[in-house]
Amino acid sequence: MGGAVAVRSGFFNSEKRAIERMSKTLVNGLAEGDGARAIEVCAESAEGAKLIAEEEGRVFGEGATTTPASIDAQLALLRAMRSELEKQGVVWSNATPYAFGGVRARVEGAAMKQPLTVLTGEVYFRSQGRVFAIELSAWRCDGKFVVVDIWKSFPMSDSVTDLAAFSAEQAAKLQQQAADSNSLTVSYLKQMYVEF
């Protein structure tokens, strides 16, 4: 019994470390300016493309891989997001990754041979005494999270004083959207809030 608990605890600790690595690499990479380091955790990087291709092969079967957006297009997106966040008050020299909040779920569909584990939510970071968020989706691939979509970035409202509670509310909305999905089966939804 104790061994099962230890294995389960080890799994969740490694998952939290993977979420922290993804979040910190993204924010710290944006802070460096050109986005080259931020892209390391995206599907468009060399490692990300390899991990996504392997996961697609496992989930959909061999030969069913897609081609991610070009690295140049993703770098342009990251640079545009960085610039927009600057206009909204981010001073990148003091941007500090703070937490991730969202949901982790297992997704299955008719075309899938194996389930896919997806993480959706926000990476939170601080700058100039304010909190900002980057909303994204990532796949779990070989113990790492690879960013497949960056949806938006925004400053958090000053009215949000409890980030964990806000994250739980957002997770509940995502869970409802998943329940409304017709084409995919979403299971094992877990609300995630990880502070670094």
C-alpha atoms as a PDB file:
ATOM      1  CA  MET A   1       0.000   0.000   0.000  1.00  0.00           C
ATOM      2  CA  GLY A   2       2.781   2.426   0.946  1.00  0.00           C
ATOM      3  CA  GLY A   3       4.543   1.702  -2.352  1.00  0.00           C
ATOM      4  CA  ALA A   4       1.468   2.668  -4.380  1.00  0.00           C
ATOM      5  CA  VAL A   5       1.181   5.942  -2.476  1.00  0.00           C
ATOM      6  CA  ALA A   6       4.873   6.660  -3.057  1.00  0.00           C
ATOM      7  CA  VAL A   7       4.565   5.973  -6.805  1.00  0.00           C
ATOM      8  CA  ARG A   8       1.455   8.151  -7.077  1.00  0.00           C
ATOM      9  CA  SER A   9       3.098  10.946  -5.093  1.00  0.00           C
ATOM     10  CA  GLY A  10       6.205  10.682  -7.294  1.00  0.00           C
ATOM     11  CA  PHE A  11       4.052  10.932 -10.435  1.00  0.00           C
ATOM     12  CA  PHE A  12       2.328  14.104  -9.266  1.00  0.00           C
ATOM     13  CA  ASN A  13       5.637  15.629  -8.175  1.00  0.00           C
ATOM     14  CA  SER A  14       7.186  14.935 -11.585  1.00  0.00           C
ATOM     15  CA  GLU A  15       4.079  16.368 -13.267  1.00  0.00           C
ATOM     16  CA  LYS A  16       4.322  19.529 -11.173  1.00  0.00           C
ATOM     17  CA  ARG A  17       8.009  19.823 -12.095  1.00  0.00           C
ATOM     18  CA  ALA A  18       7.088  19.452 -15.788  1.00  0.00           C
ATOM     19  CA  ILE A  19       4.448  22.205 -15.466  1.00  0.00           C
ATOM     20  CA  GLU A  20       6.945  24.433 -13.657  1.00  0.00           C
ATOM     21  CA  ARG A  21       9.630  23.824 -16.310  1.00  0.00           C
ATOM     22  CA  MET A  22       7.215  24.653 -19.142  1.00  0.00           C
ATOM     23  CA  SER A  23       5.919  27.796 -17.418  1.00  0.00           C
ATOM     24  CA  LYS A  24       9.298  29.168 -16.358  1.00  0.00           C
ATOM     25  CA  THR A  25      10.920  28.471 -19.725  1.00  0.00           C
ATOM     26  CA  LEU A  26       8.089  30.269 -21.524  1.00  0.00           C
ATOM     27  CA  VAL A  27       8.099  33.393 -19.325  1.00  0.00           C
ATOM     28  CA  ASN A  28      11.874  33.609 -18.874  1.00  0.00           C
ATOM     29  CA  GLY A  29      12.339  33.036 -22.608  1.00  0.00           C
ATOM     30  CA  LEU A  30       9.952  35.903 -23.387  1.00  0.00           C
ATOM     31  CA  ALA A  31      11.861  38.099 -20.936  1.00  0.00           C
ATOM     32  CA  GLU A  32      15.071  37.500 -22.884  1.00  0.00           C
ATOM     33  CA  GLY A  33      13.636  39.322 -25.866  1.00  0.00           C
ATOM     34  CA  ASP A  34      13.891  37.322 -29.060  1.00  0.00           C
ATOM     35  CA  GLY A  35      11.642  34.401 -28.042  1.00  0.00           C
ATOM     36  CA  ALA A  36      14.243  31.797 -29.023  1.00  0.00           C
ATOM     37  CA  ARG A  37      14.357  30.340 -25.521  1.00  0.00           C
ATOM     38  CA  ALA A  38      10.570  30.558 -25.040  1.00  0.00           C
ATOM     39  CA  ILE A  39      10.037  28.445 -28.131  1.00  0.00           C
ATOM     40  CA  GLU A  40      11.972  25.559 -26.522  1.00  0.00           C
ATOM     41  CA  VAL A  41       8.730  24.405 -24.830  1.00  0.00           C
ATOM     42  CA  CYS A  42       6.580  24.853 -27.956  1.00  0.00           C
ATOM     43  CA  ALA A  43       5.620  22.260 -30.575  1.00  0.00           C
ATOM     44  CA  GLU A  44       7.574  24.224 -33.183  1.00  0.00           C
ATOM     45  CA  SER A  45      10.985  23.680 -31.551  1.00  0.00           C
ATOM     46  CA  ALA A  46      13.125  20.738 -32.667  1.00  0.00           C
ATOM     47  CA  GLU A  47      12.543  18.856 -29.391  1.00  0.00           C
ATOM     48  CA  GLY A  48       8.853  19.847 -29.245  1.00  0.00           C
ATOM     49  CA  ALA A  49       8.211  18.690 -32.826  1.00  0.00           C
ATOM     50  CA  LYS A  50       9.896  15.354 -32.073  1.00  0.00           C
ATOM     51  CA  LEU A  51       7.888  14.828 -28.862  1.00  0.00           C
ATOM     52  CA  ILE A  52       4.590  15.800 -30.551  1.00  0.00           C
ATOM     53  CA  ALA A  53       5.279  13.490 -33.510  1.00  0.00           C
ATOM     54  CA  GLU A  54       6.015  10.592 -31.136  1.00  0.00           C
ATOM     55  CA  GLU A  55       2.851  11.312 -29.122  1.00  0.00           C
ATOM     56  CA  GLU A  56       0.716  11.582 -32.288  1.00  0.00           C
ATOM     57  CA  GLY A  57       2.116   8.234 -33.428  1.00  0.00           C
ATOM     58  CA  ARG A  58       1.168   6.695 -30.075  1.00  0.00           C
ATOM     59  CA  VAL A  59      -2.303   8.296 -29.963  1.00  0.00           C
ATOM     60  CA  PHE A  60      -3.388   8.163 -33.612  1.00  0.00           C
ATOM     61  CA  GLY A  61      -1.159   5.442 -35.041  1.00  0.00           C
ATOM     62  CA  GLU A  62       1.959   5.620 -37.168  1.00  0.00           C
ATOM     63  CA  GLY A  63       1.849   7.997 -40.111  1.00  0.00           C
ATOM     64  CA  ALA A  64      -0.946  10.143 -38.634  1.00  0.00           C
ATOM     65  CA  THR A  65       1.219  13.112 -37.710  1.00  0.00           C
ATOM     66  CA  THR A  66       0.482  16.738 -38.461  1.00  0.00           C
ATOM     67  CA  THR A  67       2.919  19.453 -39.364  1.00  0.00           C
ATOM     68  CA  PRO A  68       3.216  22.166 -36.714  1.00  0.00           C
ATOM     69  CA  ALA A  69       3.339  25.828 -37.656  1.00  0.00           C
ATOM     70  CA  SER A  70       6.746  27.007 -38.750  1.00  0.00           C
ATOM     71  CA  ILE A  71       9.229  28.068 -36.116  1.00  0.00           C
ATOM     72  CA  ASP A  72       9.315  31.537 -37.748  1.00  0.00           C
ATOM     73  CA  ALA A  73       5.536  31.926 -37.410  1.00  0.00           C
ATOM     74  CA  GLN A  74       5.650  30.861 -33.741  1.00  0.00           C
ATOM     75  CA  LEU A  75       8.563  33.201 -33.006  1.00  0.00           C
ATOM     76  CA  ALA A  76       6.594  36.051 -34.615  1.00  0.00           C
ATOM     77  CA  LEU A  77       3.594  35.217 -32.425  1.00  0.00           C
ATOM     78  CA  LEU A  78       5.741  35.133 -29.280  1.00  0.00           C
ATOM     79  CA  ARG A  79       7.417  38.433 -30.147  1.00  0.00           C
ATOM     80  CA  ALA A  80       4.046  40.086 -30.841  1.00  0.00           C
ATOM     81  CA  MET A  81       2.689  38.796 -27.519  1.00  0.00           C
ATOM     82  CA  ARG A  82       5.797  40.064 -25.720  1.00  0.00           C
ATOM     83  CA  SER A  83       5.350  43.509 -27.263  1.00  0.00           C
ATOM     84  CA  GLU A  84       1.624  43.612 -26.412  1.00  0.00           C
ATOM     85  CA  LEU A  85       2.323  42.651 -22.797  1.00  0.00           C
ATOM     86  CA  GLU A  86       4.922  45.435 -22.616  1.00  0.00           C
ATOM     87  CA  LYS A  87       2.246  47.909 -23.709  1.00  0.00           C
ATOM     88  CA  GLN A  88       0.044  46.562 -20.909  1.00  0.00           C
ATOM     89  CA  GLY A  89       2.693  47.251 -18.260  1.00  0.00           C
ATOM     90  CA  VAL A  90       5.111  44.304 -18.217  1.00  0.00           C
ATOM     91  CA  VAL A  91       8.709  45.260 -17.541  1.00  0.00           C
ATOM     92  CA  TRP A  92      10.492  42.123 -18.708  1.00  0.00           C
ATOM     93  CA  SER A  93      13.629  42.753 -16.657  1.00  0.00           C
ATOM     94  CA  ASN A  94      11.619  42.010 -13.500  1.00  0.00           C
ATOM     95  CA  ALA A  95       9.089  39.473 -14.826  1.00  0.00           C
ATOM     96  CA  THR A  96       8.899  36.486 -12.480  1.00  0.00           C
ATOM     97  CA  PRO A  97       6.990  33.263 -13.244  1.00  0.00           C
ATOM     98  CA  TYR A  98       4.648  32.643 -10.329  1.00  0.00           C
ATOM     99  CA  ALA A  99       2.131  29.834 -10.916  1.00  0.00           C
ATOM    100  CA  PHE A 100       0.098  27.731 -13.326  1.00  0.00           C
ATOM    101  CA  GLY A 101      -3.643  27.273 -12.963  1.00  0.00           C
ATOM    102  CA  GLY A 102      -5.942  25.195 -15.133  1.00  0.00           C
ATOM    103  CA  VAL A 103      -7.061  21.649 -15.783  1.00  0.00           C
ATOM    104  CA  ARG A 104      -5.407  18.434 -16.878  1.00  0.00           C
ATOM    105  CA  ALA A 105      -7.604  15.947 -18.698  1.00  0.00           C
ATOM    106  CA  ARG A 106      -7.501  12.756 -20.705  1.00  0.00           C
ATOM    107  CA  VAL A 107      -9.012  13.145 -24.174  1.00  0.00           C
ATOM    108  CA  GLU A 108     -10.265  10.278 -26.327  1.00  0.00           C
ATOM    109  CA  GLY A 109     -12.018  10.209 -29.698  1.00  0.00           C
ATOM    110  CA  ALA A 110     -13.106   7.827 -32.433  1.00  0.00           C
ATOM    111  CA  ALA A 111      -9.948   8.409 -34.492  1.00  0.00           C
ATOM    112  CA  MET A 112      -7.680   7.857 -31.508  1.00  0.00           C
ATOM    113  CA  LYS A 113      -6.029   4.544 -30.612  1.00  0.00           C
ATOM    114  CA  GLN A 114      -4.820   5.783 -27.203  1.00  0.00           C
ATOM    115  CA  PRO A 115      -5.895   8.689 -24.953  1.00  0.00           C
ATOM    116  CA  LEU A 116      -4.066  12.010 -24.997  1.00  0.00           C
ATOM    117  CA  THR A 117      -3.315  14.001 -21.840  1.00  0.00           C
ATOM    118  CA  VAL A 118      -3.916  17.719 -22.290  1.00  0.00           C
ATOM    119  CA  LEU A 119      -3.203  20.652 -19.987  1.00  0.00           C
ATOM    120  CA  THR A 120      -5.173  23.886 -20.488  1.00  0.00           C
ATOM    121  CA  GLY A 121      -4.938  27.008 -18.376  1.00  0.00           C
ATOM    122  CA  GLU A 122      -2.877  30.068 -17.579  1.00  0.00           C
ATOM    123  CA  VAL A 123       0.759  30.651 -16.724  1.00  0.00           C
ATOM    124  CA  TYR A 124       0.866  33.524 -14.210  1.00  0.00           C
ATOM    125  CA  PHE A 125       3.789  35.854 -13.750  1.00  0.00           C
ATOM    126  CA  ARG A 126       4.484  39.063 -11.860  1.00  0.00           C
ATOM    127  CA  SER A 127       5.968  42.317 -13.074  1.00  0.00           C
ATOM    128  CA  GLN A 128       5.922  45.756 -11.475  1.00  0.00           C
ATOM    129  CA  GLY A 129       3.721  44.502  -8.642  1.00  0.00           C
ATOM    130  CA  ARG A 130       1.014  43.230 -11.018  1.00  0.00           C
ATOM    131  CA  VAL A 131       0.026  39.745 -12.169  1.00  0.00           C
ATOM    132  CA  PHE A 132      -0.218  38.806 -15.847  1.00  0.00           C
ATOM    133  CA  ALA A 133      -1.422  35.610 -17.516  1.00  0.00           C
ATOM    134  CA  ILE A 134      -0.657  33.639 -20.677  1.00  0.00           C
ATOM    135  CA  GLU A 135      -3.457  31.232 -21.602  1.00  0.00           C
ATOM    136  CA  LEU A 136      -2.290  28.089 -23.367  1.00  0.00           C
ATOM    137  CA  SER A 137      -2.828  24.411 -24.082  1.00  0.00           C
ATOM    138  CA  ALA A 138      -0.136  21.757 -23.878  1.00  0.00           C
ATOM    139  CA  TRP A 139       0.185  18.021 -24.468  1.00  0.00           C
ATOM    140  CA  ARG A 140       1.948  15.705 -22.059  1.00  0.00           C
ATOM    141  CA  CYS A 141       4.629  13.957 -24.086  1.00  0.00           C
ATOM    142  CA  ASP A 142       7.101  11.571 -22.490  1.00  0.00           C
ATOM    143  CA  GLY A 143       6.838  13.268 -19.096  1.00  0.00           C
ATOM    144  CA  LYS A 144       7.122  16.818 -20.463  1.00  0.00           C
ATOM    145  CA  PHE A 145       4.483  19.387 -21.381  1.00  0.00           C
ATOM    146  CA  VAL A 146       4.745  20.800 -24.902  1.00  0.00           C
ATOM    147  CA  VAL A 147       2.809  23.987 -25.700  1.00  0.00           C
ATOM    148  CA  VAL A 148       0.570  23.396 -28.732  1.00  0.00           C
ATOM    149  CA  ASP A 149      -1.541  26.592 -28.589  1.00  0.00           C
ATOM    150  CA  ILE A 150      -1.128  30.005 -27.025  1.00  0.00           C
ATOM    151  CA  TRP A 151      -4.594  31.519 -26.860  1.00  0.00           C
ATOM    152  CA  LYS A 152      -4.063  34.968 -25.367  1.00  0.00           C
ATOM    153  CA  SER A 153      -2.191  36.998 -22.782  1.00  0.00           C
ATOM    154  CA  PHE A 154      -3.579  39.642 -20.456  1.00  0.00           C
ATOM    155  CA  PRO A 155      -3.078  41.555 -17.209  1.00  0.00           C
ATOM    156  CA  MET A 156      -5.054  40.155 -14.300  1.00  0.00           C
ATOM    157  CA  SER A 157      -7.707  42.442 -12.861  1.00  0.00           C
ATOM    158  CA  ASP A 158      -6.769  44.101  -9.579  1.00  0.00           C
ATOM    159  CA  SER A 159     -10.021  42.665  -8.209  1.00  0.00           C
ATOM    160  CA  VAL A 160      -8.486  39.165  -8.357  1.00  0.00           C
ATOM    161  CA  THR A 161      -6.874  38.898  -4.943  1.00  0.00           C
ATOM    162  CA  ASP A 162      -6.896  35.107  -4.619  1.00  0.00           C
ATOM    163  CA  LEU A 163      -5.216  33.582  -7.656  1.00  0.00           C
ATOM    164  CA  ALA A 164      -5.862  29.987  -6.534  1.00  0.00           C
ATOM    165  CA  ALA A 165      -9.614  30.694  -6.228  1.00  0.00           C
ATOM    166  CA  PHE A 166      -9.647  32.455  -9.620  1.00  0.00           C
ATOM    167  CA  SER A 167      -7.843  29.496 -11.143  1.00  0.00           C
ATOM    168  CA  ALA A 168     -10.433  27.111  -9.666  1.00  0.00           C
ATOM    169  CA  GLU A 169     -13.248  29.206 -11.234  1.00  0.00           C
ATOM    170  CA  GLN A 170     -11.519  29.129 -14.620  1.00  0.00           C
ATOM    171  CA  ALA A 171     -10.987  25.370 -14.288  1.00  0.00           C
ATOM    172  CA  ALA A 172     -14.717  24.903 -13.599  1.00  0.00           C
ATOM    173  CA  LYS A 173     -15.507  26.777 -16.841  1.00  0.00           C
ATOM    174  CA  LEU A 174     -13.082  24.574 -18.775  1.00  0.00           C
ATOM    175  CA  GLN A 175     -14.657  21.483 -17.222  1.00  0.00           C
ATOM    176  CA  GLN A 176     -18.105  22.652 -18.367  1.00  0.00           C
ATOM    177  CA  GLN A 177     -16.822  23.268 -21.909  1.00  0.00           C
ATOM    178  CA  ALA A 178     -15.335  19.765 -21.896  1.00  0.00           C
ATOM    179  CA  ALA A 179     -18.676  18.312 -20.769  1.00  0.00           C
ATOM    180  CA  ASP A 180     -20.386  20.097 -23.682  1.00  0.00           C
ATOM    181  CA  SER A 181     -17.956  18.612 -26.228  1.00  0.00           C
ATOM    182  CA  ASN A 182     -19.706  16.128 -28.521  1.00  0.00           C
ATOM    183  CA  SER A 183     -16.890  14.684 -30.621  1.00  0.00           C
ATOM    184  CA  LEU A 184     -14.413  13.892 -27.840  1.00  0.00           C
ATOM    185  CA  THR A 185     -14.625  12.060 -24.551  1.00  0.00           C
ATOM    186  CA  VAL A 186     -12.930  14.020 -21.795  1.00  0.00           C
ATOM    187  CA  SER A 187     -12.203  12.197 -18.546  1.00  0.00           C
ATOM    188  CA  TYR A 188     -10.008  12.331 -15.466  1.00  0.00           C
ATOM    189  CA  LEU A 189     -10.299  16.099 -15.271  1.00  0.00           C
ATOM    190  CA  LYS A 190      -8.156  17.464 -12.480  1.00  0.00           C
ATOM    191  CA  GLN A 191      -7.979  21.068 -11.418  1.00  0.00           C
ATOM    192  CA  MET A 192      -4.329  22.076 -11.252  1.00  0.00           C
ATOM    193  CA  TYR A 193      -2.837  24.990  -9.362  1.00  0.00           C
ATOM    194  CA  VAL A 194       0.934  24.890  -9.033  1.00  0.00           C
ATOM    195  CA  GLU A 195       2.963  27.677  -7.444  1.00  0.00           C
ATOM    196  CA  PHE A 196       6.688  27.867  -8.104  1.00  0.00           C
END
